[in-house]
Amino acid sequence: MKKILIDKIINREAVVGIIGLGYVGLPQLIGFSEEGFKTIGFDIDQEKVDKLNEGQSYIKHIPAEEITAAVERGFTATTDFSQIGKVDAILICVPTPLNERKEPDLSYIHSTLNEIKSHIKEGQLLILESTSYPGTTEEEIVPVIKNAGFKIGENFFIGYSPEREDPGNKNFSTKTIPKVVSGYTKKCLELTDALFSQIVEKTVPVGSTKTAEMTKILENTYRAVNIGLINELKMVADKMDIDIYEVIKAAATKPFGFTPYFPGPGLGGHCIPIDPFYLSWKAKKVGIDTRLLN
């Protein structure tokens, strides 16, 4: 079954279904469509679905022309999750917020799995792209697929590939940002790698889904810590009558050991202050108190 699916991917015969048509899912959908894949977009928001089918965009940096072109190439959007049975690759790009106790909220992933589990079929590849704590794929997705009667790595395939979008950044696109890919088994990894190799210039295979999940958490935690640090140092420098920008410029001349961050009013995106809580929560589960991160 792996060879059949890889052949379909390489020959652009595979149908790609993307669940969650926001800042992550919609650019991915356009990318696959531009490369000649038939695409189906799934979302629970009927208004979004209607706009997409009419060739309209609801995301500022994605022009309506790109949506119209995708529709002309055969793209359709739907709220009918029974159509999951028509696709070969399923990409889950749904939100992973925090609950009121600042703990991981995987309700969107759970509801997605509940919607599709009665419609999945043999030979499909399911990839989670939502940011989550290490172990999510193994603990939340794998049991659902196994309970549905599939043998993962034989007649059904599971991967994890964290999203790496920077909305509105004209220097980087879905195609040019290297894509970390992983699989629950070796065959799952090969399929995940083959799929994303069709729409990105470089893939970065890693040894396990937990490694890929941890990679994304590290990226965002690193940003969160450094954004917080440089904003704090800006306030210290102001009190000392020091130009923090001149300090950063001078420090950045060091050819090793320093990456410049700049102070500003933003948090680096809505996920940056959220994702470190995913790591600290999981760390507590394995008996580690992340004092610096906290």
Protein backbone atom coordinates (compact mmCIF):
# COMPACT_ATOMS: atom_id res chain seq x y z
CA MET A 1 0.00 0.00 0.00
CA LYS A 2 2.89 2.35 0.66
CA LYS A 3 4.14 2.05 -2.92
CA ILE A 4 0.67 2.63 -4.34
CA LEU A 5 0.27 5.83 -2.33
CA ILE A 6 3.78 7.10 -3.12
CA ASP A 7 3.13 6.55 -6.83
CA LYS A 8 -0.13 8.49 -6.55
CA ILE A 9 1.69 11.33 -4.80
CA ILE A 10 4.53 11.53 -7.31
CA ASN A 11 2.12 11.33 -10.26
CA ARG A 12 -0.10 14.05 -8.74
CA GLU A 13 -3.00 11.59 -8.62
CA ALA A 14 -3.39 11.77 -4.83
CA VAL A 15 -6.26 13.84 -3.48
CA VAL A 16 -5.21 16.05 -0.56
CA GLY A 17 -7.72 16.96 2.15
CA ILE A 18 -6.91 19.74 4.59
CA ILE A 19 -8.89 20.17 7.81
CA GLY A 20 -8.82 23.69 9.21
CA LEU A 21 -8.68 26.49 6.65
CA GLY A 22 -6.90 29.23 8.56
CA TYR A 23 -3.43 30.76 8.47
CA VAL A 24 -1.82 27.31 8.22
CA GLY A 25 -4.28 25.18 6.28
CA LEU A 26 -5.17 27.65 3.53
CA PRO A 27 -1.59 28.34 2.33
CA GLN A 28 -0.91 24.59 2.34
CA LEU A 29 -4.02 24.00 0.29
CA ILE A 30 -2.98 26.60 -2.26
CA GLY A 31 0.50 25.07 -2.40
CA PHE A 32 -0.81 21.61 -3.22
CA SER A 33 -3.27 23.01 -5.73
CA GLU A 34 -0.52 24.95 -7.51
CA GLU A 35 1.49 21.74 -7.81
CA GLY A 36 -1.36 19.98 -9.59
CA PHE A 37 -3.03 18.09 -6.75
CA LYS A 38 -6.79 17.90 -6.43
CA THR A 39 -7.62 19.45 -3.06
CA ILE A 40 -10.58 19.42 -0.69
CA GLY A 41 -10.75 21.83 2.22
CA PHE A 42 -12.69 20.97 5.39
CA ASP A 43 -13.88 23.44 8.00
CA ILE A 44 -16.73 23.75 10.49
CA ASP A 45 -17.28 27.41 9.56
CA GLN A 46 -19.88 27.53 6.79
CA GLU A 47 -19.14 31.20 6.08
CA LYS A 48 -15.49 30.43 5.37
CA VAL A 49 -16.45 27.51 3.15
CA ASP A 50 -18.89 29.62 1.15
CA LYS A 51 -16.34 32.39 0.63
CA LEU A 52 -13.68 29.97 -0.58
CA ASN A 53 -16.03 28.27 -3.03
CA GLU A 54 -16.86 31.72 -4.39
CA GLY A 55 -13.16 32.50 -4.84
CA GLN A 56 -12.96 34.96 -1.95
CA SER A 57 -10.25 35.28 0.69
CA TYR A 58 -10.75 36.12 4.37
CA ILE A 59 -7.01 36.26 5.19
CA LYS A 60 -5.36 39.59 4.46
CA HIS A 61 -2.06 38.35 3.00
CA ILE A 62 -3.69 35.72 0.77
CA PRO A 63 -5.10 37.38 -2.38
CA ALA A 64 -8.50 36.34 -3.69
CA GLU A 65 -6.83 35.60 -7.04
CA GLU A 66 -5.02 32.64 -5.48
CA ILE A 67 -8.31 31.24 -4.16
CA THR A 68 -10.03 31.75 -7.51
CA ALA A 69 -7.18 29.99 -9.31
CA ALA A 70 -7.41 27.03 -6.91
CA VAL A 71 -11.18 26.78 -7.48
CA GLU A 72 -10.60 26.81 -11.23
CA ARG A 73 -8.16 23.93 -10.78
CA GLY A 74 -10.83 21.91 -9.00
CA PHE A 75 -10.51 22.89 -5.34
CA THR A 76 -13.66 22.69 -3.25
CA ALA A 77 -14.36 23.51 0.38
CA THR A 78 -16.92 21.73 2.51
CA THR A 79 -18.30 21.21 6.01
CA ASP A 80 -19.21 17.63 5.08
CA PHE A 81 -16.59 15.44 6.73
CA SER A 82 -17.91 12.30 5.07
CA GLN A 83 -15.91 13.41 2.03
CA ILE A 84 -12.77 12.40 3.92
CA GLY A 85 -13.35 9.04 2.27
CA LYS A 86 -12.49 10.64 -1.09
CA VAL A 87 -8.99 11.80 -0.14
CA ASP A 88 -5.64 10.04 0.03
CA ALA A 89 -3.83 12.40 2.40
CA ILE A 90 -5.48 14.07 5.40
CA LEU A 91 -3.75 17.10 6.92
CA ILE A 92 -5.05 18.35 10.28
CA CYS A 93 -4.38 22.07 10.79
CA VAL A 94 -6.70 22.97 13.66
CA PRO A 95 -6.04 25.28 16.66
CA THR A 96 -4.42 24.05 19.88
CA PRO A 97 -5.17 26.79 22.46
CA LEU A 98 -4.92 26.74 26.25
CA ASN A 99 -7.84 26.18 28.60
CA GLU A 100 -8.69 28.49 31.49
CA ARG A 101 -6.06 26.74 33.66
CA LYS A 102 -3.36 27.36 31.02
CA GLU A 103 -3.27 23.67 30.16
CA PRO A 104 -3.25 22.18 26.64
CA ASP A 105 -6.67 22.20 24.98
CA LEU A 106 -6.80 19.47 22.35
CA SER A 107 -10.56 19.67 21.89
CA TYR A 108 -10.23 20.72 18.24
CA ILE A 109 -8.04 17.70 17.51
CA HIS A 110 -10.45 15.41 19.38
CA SER A 111 -13.51 16.75 17.57
CA THR A 112 -11.72 16.39 14.23
CA LEU A 113 -10.87 12.76 14.95
CA ASN A 114 -14.48 12.10 16.00
CA GLU A 115 -15.71 13.63 12.74
CA ILE A 116 -13.46 11.60 10.46
CA LYS A 117 -12.95 8.25 12.19
CA SER A 118 -16.01 6.65 10.60
CA HIS A 119 -14.99 7.87 7.13
CA ILE A 120 -11.28 6.98 6.94
CA LYS A 121 -10.23 4.06 4.76
CA GLU A 122 -7.27 1.81 4.02
CA GLY A 123 -4.30 3.33 2.25
CA GLN A 124 -4.70 6.86 3.60
CA LEU A 125 -2.00 9.07 5.13
CA LEU A 126 -3.01 11.19 8.13
CA ILE A 127 -0.69 14.01 9.19
CA LEU A 128 -1.11 16.30 12.19
CA GLU A 129 0.38 19.77 11.71
CA SER A 130 -1.03 21.52 14.77
CA THR A 131 1.51 22.52 17.43
CA SER A 132 1.29 20.30 20.49
CA TYR A 133 3.32 18.69 23.26
CA PRO A 134 5.69 15.78 22.54
CA GLY A 135 3.68 12.56 22.50
CA THR A 136 0.42 13.96 21.09
CA THR A 137 0.51 11.88 17.90
CA GLU A 138 1.29 8.65 19.76
CA GLU A 139 -1.13 9.28 22.61
CA GLU A 140 -4.09 10.93 20.88
CA ILE A 141 -4.12 9.94 17.21
CA VAL A 142 -2.57 6.49 17.04
CA PRO A 143 -5.10 4.87 19.45
CA VAL A 144 -8.06 6.23 17.46
CA ILE A 145 -6.71 4.75 14.22
CA LYS A 146 -5.86 1.43 15.85
CA ASN A 147 -9.30 1.22 17.46
CA ALA A 148 -10.79 1.73 14.01
CA GLY A 149 -9.16 -1.56 13.00
CA PHE A 150 -6.18 -0.33 10.98
CA LYS A 151 -2.58 -1.53 11.12
CA ILE A 152 -0.43 1.57 11.13
CA GLY A 153 2.47 1.32 8.73
CA GLU A 154 0.74 -1.42 6.74
CA ASN A 155 -2.72 -0.32 5.61
CA PHE A 156 -2.87 3.15 7.17
CA PHE A 157 -0.15 5.73 7.72
CA ILE A 158 0.38 8.48 10.32
CA GLY A 159 2.82 11.37 10.28
CA TYR A 160 3.52 14.60 12.12
CA SER A 161 4.88 17.71 10.45
CA PRO A 162 4.67 20.94 12.47
CA GLU A 163 3.50 24.04 10.64
CA ARG A 164 6.07 26.75 10.02
CA GLU A 165 4.13 29.76 8.78
CA ASP A 166 5.02 33.41 9.24
CA PRO A 167 1.90 35.16 7.91
CA GLY A 168 2.61 38.28 5.90
CA ASN A 169 6.40 37.76 5.79
CA LYS A 170 7.30 38.38 2.15
CA ASN A 171 10.77 36.86 2.58
CA PHE A 172 9.44 33.37 3.33
CA SER A 173 6.62 31.30 1.90
CA THR A 174 5.21 27.82 2.44
CA LYS A 175 7.45 26.64 -0.40
CA THR A 176 10.72 28.14 0.85
CA ILE A 177 10.49 27.32 4.57
CA PRO A 178 12.15 23.93 5.32
CA LYS A 179 9.55 21.41 6.55
CA VAL A 180 10.25 19.05 9.45
CA VAL A 181 8.64 15.67 8.77
CA SER A 182 8.22 12.51 10.83
CA GLY A 183 6.24 9.29 10.88
CA TYR A 184 4.93 6.76 13.36
CA THR A 185 6.82 4.07 11.42
CA LYS A 186 9.54 4.18 8.77
CA LYS A 187 6.97 3.74 6.00
CA CYS A 188 4.87 6.52 7.50
CA LEU A 189 7.90 8.82 7.46
CA GLU A 190 8.68 7.96 3.84
CA LEU A 191 5.14 8.86 2.80
CA THR A 192 5.05 12.08 4.83
CA ASP A 193 8.37 13.10 3.34
CA ALA A 194 7.22 12.23 -0.18
CA LEU A 195 4.05 14.29 0.17
CA PHE A 196 5.63 17.49 1.45
CA SER A 197 8.56 17.16 -0.96
CA GLN A 198 6.06 18.01 -3.68
CA ILE A 199 5.34 21.51 -2.29
CA VAL A 200 8.44 22.61 -0.34
CA GLU A 201 12.02 23.04 -1.47
CA LYS A 202 13.50 21.16 1.49
CA THR A 203 12.21 18.61 3.97
CA VAL A 204 13.94 17.76 7.26
CA PRO A 205 13.17 14.15 8.28
CA VAL A 206 13.52 13.29 11.98
CA GLY A 207 13.45 9.99 13.81
CA SER A 208 10.11 10.12 15.59
CA THR A 209 6.87 12.08 15.86
CA LYS A 210 7.88 13.12 19.39
CA THR A 211 11.10 14.61 18.03
CA ALA A 212 9.15 16.63 15.46
CA GLU A 213 6.65 17.78 18.10
CA MET A 214 9.49 18.81 20.41
CA THR A 215 11.19 20.67 17.56
CA LYS A 216 8.22 22.96 17.08
CA ILE A 217 7.84 23.56 20.81
CA LEU A 218 11.55 24.40 21.04
CA GLU A 219 11.31 26.89 18.17
CA ASN A 220 8.43 28.79 19.74
CA THR A 221 9.73 28.58 23.31
CA TYR A 222 13.09 29.92 22.14
CA ARG A 223 11.30 32.87 20.53
CA ALA A 224 9.11 33.48 23.58
CA VAL A 225 12.05 33.55 25.99
CA ASN A 226 14.13 35.85 23.77
CA ILE A 227 11.27 38.24 22.99
CA GLY A 228 10.59 38.54 26.72
CA LEU A 229 14.30 39.00 27.46
CA ILE A 230 14.94 41.74 24.92
CA ASN A 231 11.81 43.67 25.92
CA GLU A 232 12.92 43.55 29.54
CA LEU A 233 16.43 44.70 28.61
CA LYS A 234 14.91 47.57 26.60
CA MET A 235 13.28 48.90 29.77
CA VAL A 236 16.51 48.48 31.73
CA ALA A 237 18.49 50.29 29.02
CA ASP A 238 15.99 53.16 28.92
CA LYS A 239 16.40 53.72 32.66
CA MET A 240 20.18 53.78 32.18
CA ASP A 241 19.95 56.16 29.22
CA ILE A 242 21.37 53.54 26.84
CA ASP A 243 20.22 53.01 23.24
CA ILE A 244 19.28 49.31 23.19
CA TYR A 245 19.33 49.24 19.37
CA GLU A 246 22.95 50.39 19.34
CA VAL A 247 23.71 47.70 21.92
CA ILE A 248 22.06 44.99 19.81
CA LYS A 249 23.83 46.18 16.65
CA ALA A 250 27.20 46.04 18.42
CA ALA A 251 26.50 42.63 19.98
CA ALA A 252 25.45 41.23 16.58
CA THR A 253 28.96 41.80 15.24
CA LYS A 254 30.05 38.78 17.27
CA PRO A 255 30.23 35.99 14.66
CA PHE A 256 29.11 33.25 17.04
CA GLY A 257 26.91 32.69 20.10
CA PHE A 258 24.51 35.61 19.56
CA THR A 259 21.27 35.97 17.61
CA PRO A 260 19.79 39.49 17.51
CA TYR A 261 16.25 39.99 18.80
CA PHE A 262 14.62 43.41 18.79
CA PRO A 263 12.15 44.95 21.28
CA GLY A 264 8.63 45.74 20.17
CA PRO A 265 4.95 45.74 21.12
CA GLY A 266 4.11 42.29 19.73
CA LEU A 267 4.42 38.77 21.10
CA GLY A 268 5.66 37.23 17.87
CA GLY A 269 2.28 35.73 16.98
CA HIS A 270 -0.60 34.31 19.00
CA CYS A 271 1.06 30.91 19.46
CA ILE A 272 4.34 32.18 20.93
CA PRO A 273 3.04 32.90 24.48
CA ILE A 274 0.91 29.72 24.38
CA ASP A 275 3.28 26.96 23.27
CA PRO A 276 5.72 27.14 26.21
CA PHE A 277 2.82 26.10 28.45
CA TYR A 278 2.45 22.94 26.37
CA LEU A 279 6.05 22.07 27.16
CA SER A 280 5.94 22.97 30.85
CA TRP A 281 2.69 20.99 31.28
CA LYS A 282 4.20 17.91 29.64
CA ALA A 283 7.42 18.32 31.60
CA LYS A 284 5.45 18.14 34.85
CA LYS A 285 3.95 14.86 33.67
CA VAL A 286 7.45 13.38 33.52
CA GLY A 287 8.56 14.91 36.82
CA ILE A 288 10.47 17.96 35.61
CA ASP A 289 9.91 21.50 36.89
CA THR A 290 10.90 23.88 34.09
CA ARG A 291 11.96 26.76 36.34
CA LEU A 292 13.58 28.94 33.68
CA LEU A 293 10.69 28.46 31.27
CA ASN A 294 8.11 29.18 33.97
